[in-house]
C-alpha atoms as a PDB file:
ATOM      1  CA  MET A   1       0.000   0.000   0.000  1.00  0.00           C
ATOM      2  CA  SER A   2       1.559   3.332  -0.947  1.00  0.00           C
ATOM      3  CA  LEU A   3       1.577   6.379   1.295  1.00  0.00           C
ATOM      4  CA  SER A   4      -1.017   8.046  -0.928  1.00  0.00           C
ATOM      5  CA  THR A   5      -3.543   5.297  -0.119  1.00  0.00           C
ATOM      6  CA  LEU A   6      -3.096   5.442   3.656  1.00  0.00           C
ATOM      7  CA  ASP A   7      -5.953   6.844   5.684  1.00  0.00           C
ATOM      8  CA  PRO A   8      -5.043  10.109   7.444  1.00  0.00           C
ATOM      9  CA  LEU A   9      -4.429   8.469  10.843  1.00  0.00           C
ATOM     10  CA  ASN A  10      -2.101   5.784   9.420  1.00  0.00           C
ATOM     11  CA  GLU A  11      -0.252   8.431   7.407  1.00  0.00           C
ATOM     12  CA  LYS A  12       0.209  10.545  10.553  1.00  0.00           C
ATOM     13  CA  ILE A  13       1.467   7.512  12.542  1.00  0.00           C
ATOM     14  CA  LYS A  14       3.850   6.448   9.762  1.00  0.00           C
ATOM     15  CA  ASN A  15       5.268   9.960   9.442  1.00  0.00           C
ATOM     16  CA  MET A  16       5.703  10.323  13.210  1.00  0.00           C
ATOM     17  CA  ILE A  17       7.595   7.033  13.473  1.00  0.00           C
ATOM     18  CA  ARG A  18       9.722   7.707  10.362  1.00  0.00           C
ATOM     19  CA  ASP A  19      10.606  11.200  11.648  1.00  0.00           C
ATOM     20  CA  TRP A  20      11.546   9.775  15.047  1.00  0.00           C
ATOM     21  CA  MET A  21      13.741   7.132  13.386  1.00  0.00           C
ATOM     22  CA  SER A  22      15.316   9.690  11.016  1.00  0.00           C
ATOM     23  CA  ASP A  23      16.117  12.051  13.908  1.00  0.00           C
ATOM     24  CA  ARG A  24      18.119   9.220  15.499  1.00  0.00           C
ATOM     25  CA  ARG A  25      19.732   8.168  12.192  1.00  0.00           C
ATOM     26  CA  ILE A  26      18.305   4.659  12.447  1.00  0.00           C
ATOM     27  CA  TYR A  27      15.850   4.868   9.535  1.00  0.00           C
ATOM     28  CA  ILE A  28      16.811   2.883   6.409  1.00  0.00           C
ATOM     29  CA  ASN A  29      13.763   2.636   4.155  1.00  0.00           C
ATOM     30  CA  ASP A  30      10.073   1.852   3.949  1.00  0.00           C
ATOM     31  CA  GLU A  31      10.249  -1.176   1.659  1.00  0.00           C
ATOM     32  CA  ILE A  32       7.518  -3.659   2.510  1.00  0.00           C
ATOM     33  CA  HIS A  33       8.941  -7.143   3.209  1.00  0.00           C
ATOM     34  CA  HIS A  34       5.952  -8.548   5.052  1.00  0.00           C
ATOM     35  CA  LYS A  35       2.668  -9.348   3.371  1.00  0.00           C
ATOM     36  CA  ASP A  36      -0.577  -7.939   4.691  1.00  0.00           C
ATOM     37  CA  VAL A  37       0.817  -4.683   6.087  1.00  0.00           C
ATOM     38  CA  THR A  38      -0.366  -1.135   5.560  1.00  0.00           C
ATOM     39  CA  PHE A  39       3.145   0.256   5.984  1.00  0.00           C
ATOM     40  CA  GLN A  40       6.603  -0.888   7.059  1.00  0.00           C
ATOM     41  CA  LEU A  41       9.561   1.164   8.254  1.00  0.00           C
ATOM     42  CA  ASN A  42      12.970  -0.536   8.444  1.00  0.00           C
ATOM     43  CA  GLY A  43      15.927   0.514  10.532  1.00  0.00           C
ATOM     44  CA  VAL A  44      19.098  -0.497  12.330  1.00  0.00           C
ATOM     45  CA  ASN A  45      19.806   0.640  15.888  1.00  0.00           C
ATOM     46  CA  SER A  46      23.168   1.872  17.197  1.00  0.00           C
ATOM     47  CA  LEU A  47      24.165  -1.717  18.081  1.00  0.00           C
ATOM     48  CA  GLY A  48      23.602  -2.892  14.510  1.00  0.00           C
ATOM     49  CA  ILE A  49      20.374  -4.729  15.315  1.00  0.00           C
ATOM     50  CA  GLY A  50      17.933  -4.530  12.410  1.00  0.00           C
ATOM     51  CA  PHE A  51      14.236  -4.036  13.009  1.00  0.00           C
ATOM     52  CA  SER A  52      10.979  -3.167  11.275  1.00  0.00           C
ATOM     53  CA  VAL A  53       7.941  -1.252  12.433  1.00  0.00           C
ATOM     54  CA  ILE A  54       4.865  -2.546  10.630  1.00  0.00           C
ATOM     55  CA  GLN A  55       1.197  -1.673  10.686  1.00  0.00           C
ATOM     56  CA  PRO A  56      -0.683  -4.929  10.011  1.00  0.00           C
ATOM     57  CA  ILE A  57      -3.827  -4.666   7.912  1.00  0.00           C
ATOM     58  CA  SER A  58      -5.570  -7.011  10.371  1.00  0.00           C
ATOM     59  CA  LEU A  59      -4.784  -4.778  13.380  1.00  0.00           C
ATOM     60  CA  LYS A  60      -6.154  -1.442  12.307  1.00  0.00           C
ATOM     61  CA  ARG A  61      -4.991   0.586  15.337  1.00  0.00           C
ATOM     62  CA  THR A  62      -1.705  -1.147  16.108  1.00  0.00           C
ATOM     63  CA  VAL A  63       1.926  -1.070  15.020  1.00  0.00           C
ATOM     64  CA  VAL A  64       4.257  -3.976  15.659  1.00  0.00           C
ATOM     65  CA  VAL A  65       8.006  -3.686  16.158  1.00  0.00           C
ATOM     66  CA  ILE A  66       9.822  -6.782  14.897  1.00  0.00           C
ATOM     67  CA  SER A  67      13.425  -7.949  15.020  1.00  0.00           C
ATOM     68  CA  ARG A  68      15.110 -11.277  14.477  1.00  0.00           C
ATOM     69  CA  ILE A  69      18.374 -12.842  15.539  1.00  0.00           C
ATOM     70  CA  ASP A  70      19.918 -15.256  13.079  1.00  0.00           C
ATOM     71  CA  ILE A  71      21.526 -18.229  14.833  1.00  0.00           C
ATOM     72  CA  LYS A  72      22.258 -20.345  11.730  1.00  0.00           C
ATOM     73  CA  ALA A  73      25.925 -20.469  12.750  1.00  0.00           C
ATOM     74  CA  ARG A  74      24.803 -22.363  15.880  1.00  0.00           C
ATOM     75  CA  PHE A  75      22.319 -24.640  14.111  1.00  0.00           C
ATOM     76  CA  ASP A  76      24.725 -27.549  13.521  1.00  0.00           C
ATOM     77  CA  ALA A  77      26.000 -27.373  17.099  1.00  0.00           C
ATOM     78  CA  LEU A  78      22.436 -27.372  18.421  1.00  0.00           C
ATOM     79  CA  LYS A  79      21.294 -30.101  16.054  1.00  0.00           C
ATOM     80  CA  ASN A  80      24.252 -32.331  16.971  1.00  0.00           C
ATOM     81  CA  MET A  81      23.753 -32.023  20.726  1.00  0.00           C
ATOM     82  CA  PRO A  82      22.310 -35.077  22.443  1.00  0.00           C
ATOM     83  CA  ALA A  83      18.522 -34.663  22.339  1.00  0.00           C
ATOM     84  CA  VAL A  84      18.099 -34.416  26.113  1.00  0.00           C
ATOM     85  CA  GLU A  85      20.856 -31.804  26.426  1.00  0.00           C
ATOM     86  CA  ARG A  86      19.523 -29.814  23.425  1.00  0.00           C
ATOM     87  CA  ASP A  87      15.965 -29.889  24.757  1.00  0.00           C
ATOM     88  CA  GLU A  88      17.159 -28.643  28.145  1.00  0.00           C
ATOM     89  CA  PHE A  89      19.248 -25.891  26.512  1.00  0.00           C
ATOM     90  CA  ILE A  90      16.311 -24.704  24.387  1.00  0.00           C
ATOM     91  CA  PHE A  91      13.905 -25.006  27.335  1.00  0.00           C
ATOM     92  CA  ASN A  92      16.200 -22.817  29.467  1.00  0.00           C
ATOM     93  CA  LEU A  93      16.467 -20.259  26.677  1.00  0.00           C
ATOM     94  CA  LYS A  94      12.678 -20.135  26.303  1.00  0.00           C
ATOM     95  CA  ARG A  95      12.236 -19.961  30.076  1.00  0.00           C
ATOM     96  CA  ASP A  96      14.532 -16.936  30.244  1.00  0.00           C
ATOM     97  CA  LEU A  97      12.854 -15.249  27.268  1.00  0.00           C
ATOM     98  CA  ILE A  98       9.342 -15.706  28.657  1.00  0.00           C
ATOM     99  CA  PHE A  99      10.176 -13.114  31.329  1.00  0.00           C
ATOM    100  CA  GLN A 100      11.204 -10.511  28.730  1.00  0.00           C
ATOM    101  CA  SER A 101       8.724  -7.959  27.435  1.00  0.00           C
ATOM    102  CA  PRO A 102       8.725  -8.804  23.714  1.00  0.00           C
ATOM    103  CA  ASP A 103       6.979 -11.875  22.388  1.00  0.00           C
ATOM    104  CA  PHE A 104       9.265 -14.409  20.726  1.00  0.00           C
ATOM    105  CA  THR A 105       8.882 -17.094  18.097  1.00  0.00           C
ATOM    106  CA  PHE A 106      11.273 -19.873  17.170  1.00  0.00           C
ATOM    107  CA  ASP A 107      11.290 -20.644  13.450  1.00  0.00           C
ATOM    108  CA  GLN A 108      11.464 -24.396  14.154  1.00  0.00           C
ATOM    109  CA  PRO A 109      12.088 -26.745  17.104  1.00  0.00           C
ATOM    110  CA  VAL A 110      15.863 -26.513  16.584  1.00  0.00           C
ATOM    111  CA  PRO A 111      15.949 -22.846  15.612  1.00  0.00           C
ATOM    112  CA  LYS A 112      17.928 -21.086  12.910  1.00  0.00           C
ATOM    113  CA  SER A 113      16.440 -17.773  14.008  1.00  0.00           C
ATOM    114  CA  ILE A 114      14.317 -16.264  16.736  1.00  0.00           C
ATOM    115  CA  GLN A 115      11.895 -13.430  16.036  1.00  0.00           C
ATOM    116  CA  PHE A 116      10.958 -10.840  18.647  1.00  0.00           C
ATOM    117  CA  SER A 117       7.906  -8.613  18.390  1.00  0.00           C
ATOM    118  CA  LYS A 118       5.957  -6.147  20.474  1.00  0.00           C
ATOM    119  CA  GLU A 119       2.641  -4.496  19.681  1.00  0.00           C
ATOM    120  CA  ILE A 120       1.952  -0.838  20.399  1.00  0.00           C
ATOM    121  CA  MET A 121      -1.657   0.297  20.202  1.00  0.00           C
ATOM    122  CA  PHE A 122      -2.255   3.677  18.598  1.00  0.00           C
ATOM    123  CA  ASP A 123      -3.712   5.090  21.824  1.00  0.00           C
ATOM    124  CA  GLU A 124      -0.407   4.440  23.646  1.00  0.00           C
ATOM    125  CA  LEU A 125       1.947   5.267  20.764  1.00  0.00           C
ATOM    126  CA  THR A 126       4.490   7.897  21.741  1.00  0.00           C
ATOM    127  CA  GLU A 127       8.108   8.471  20.828  1.00  0.00           C
ATOM    128  CA  GLY A 128       9.041   7.294  24.324  1.00  0.00           C
ATOM    129  CA  GLN A 129       7.064   4.086  23.841  1.00  0.00           C
ATOM    130  CA  ILE A 130       8.802   3.394  20.515  1.00  0.00           C
ATOM    131  CA  ARG A 131      12.192   3.896  22.199  1.00  0.00           C
ATOM    132  CA  GLU A 132      11.202   1.618  25.082  1.00  0.00           C
ATOM    133  CA  VAL A 133      10.006  -1.182  22.793  1.00  0.00           C
ATOM    134  CA  LEU A 134      13.137  -0.995  20.614  1.00  0.00           C
ATOM    135  CA  GLU A 135      15.296  -1.103  23.741  1.00  0.00           C
ATOM    136  CA  ARG A 136      13.469  -4.156  25.120  1.00  0.00           C
ATOM    137  CA  ILE A 137      13.731  -5.988  21.805  1.00  0.00           C
ATOM    138  CA  ALA A 138      17.446  -5.133  21.528  1.00  0.00           C
ATOM    139  CA  ARG A 139      18.014  -6.503  25.037  1.00  0.00           C
ATOM    140  CA  SER A 140      16.310  -9.765  24.069  1.00  0.00           C
ATOM    141  CA  VAL A 141      18.405 -10.080  20.903  1.00  0.00           C
ATOM    142  CA  LEU A 142      21.574  -9.426  22.933  1.00  0.00           C
ATOM    143  CA  TRP A 143      20.497 -11.936  25.576  1.00  0.00           C
ATOM    144  CA  VAL A 144      20.187 -14.686  22.957  1.00  0.00           C
ATOM    145  CA  ALA A 145      23.589 -13.779  21.479  1.00  0.00           C
ATOM    146  CA  TRP A 146      25.213 -13.880  24.927  1.00  0.00           C
ATOM    147  CA  TYR A 147      23.399 -17.097  25.862  1.00  0.00           C
ATOM    148  CA  MET A 148      24.675 -18.768  22.690  1.00  0.00           C
ATOM    149  CA  ASP A 149      28.192 -17.363  23.184  1.00  0.00           C
ATOM    150  CA  ASN A 150      28.238 -18.666  26.746  1.00  0.00           C
ATOM    151  CA  ARG A 151      27.416 -22.188  25.569  1.00  0.00           C
ATOM    152  CA  PHE A 152      29.261 -22.354  22.229  1.00  0.00           C
ATOM    153  CA  GLY A 153      31.820 -19.534  22.310  1.00  0.00           C
ATOM    154  CA  ALA A 154      31.643 -16.428  20.143  1.00  0.00           C
ATOM    155  CA  SER A 155      30.500 -17.207  16.618  1.00  0.00           C
ATOM    156  CA  SER A 156      32.792 -16.374  13.713  1.00  0.00           C
ATOM    157  CA  GLU A 157      30.203 -13.793  12.642  1.00  0.00           C
ATOM    158  CA  ARG A 158      30.773 -11.858  15.892  1.00  0.00           C
ATOM    159  CA  LYS A 159      34.539 -12.289  16.384  1.00  0.00           C
ATOM    160  CA  ALA A 160      35.528  -9.740  13.749  1.00  0.00           C
END
């Protein structure tokens, strides 16, 4: 959906979020990568963590902040662990994540990536709320990276 077809409220919300992101030099583009969204704003925070802010068509008065950590480099190590040890490792990771603010989704039972998301309803959408949600998601992404590093050592992707 192009900006010209947005209703006035969605256009105002999109502009407010894009301006906030631009002011902090974290805005990249507004290319839509997810289906069924009214708009999508993509950025990278100061730690290099990529994220998107989307407005789902199905949630008319909500934006969702989404980020994902790619753990493909750990997939073989996880897959090759004894099943009981792997299940305990993944259970402990999920147990720790359940107490974080963002929702999380594993892409499969032995994950190659973990997605984090947090909804913000239009009636509570402020610049401070956007900052808070991005911070909470970044902390969750960092937690997974540290958790993996603690178990497997720093990945070659992060040693450089």
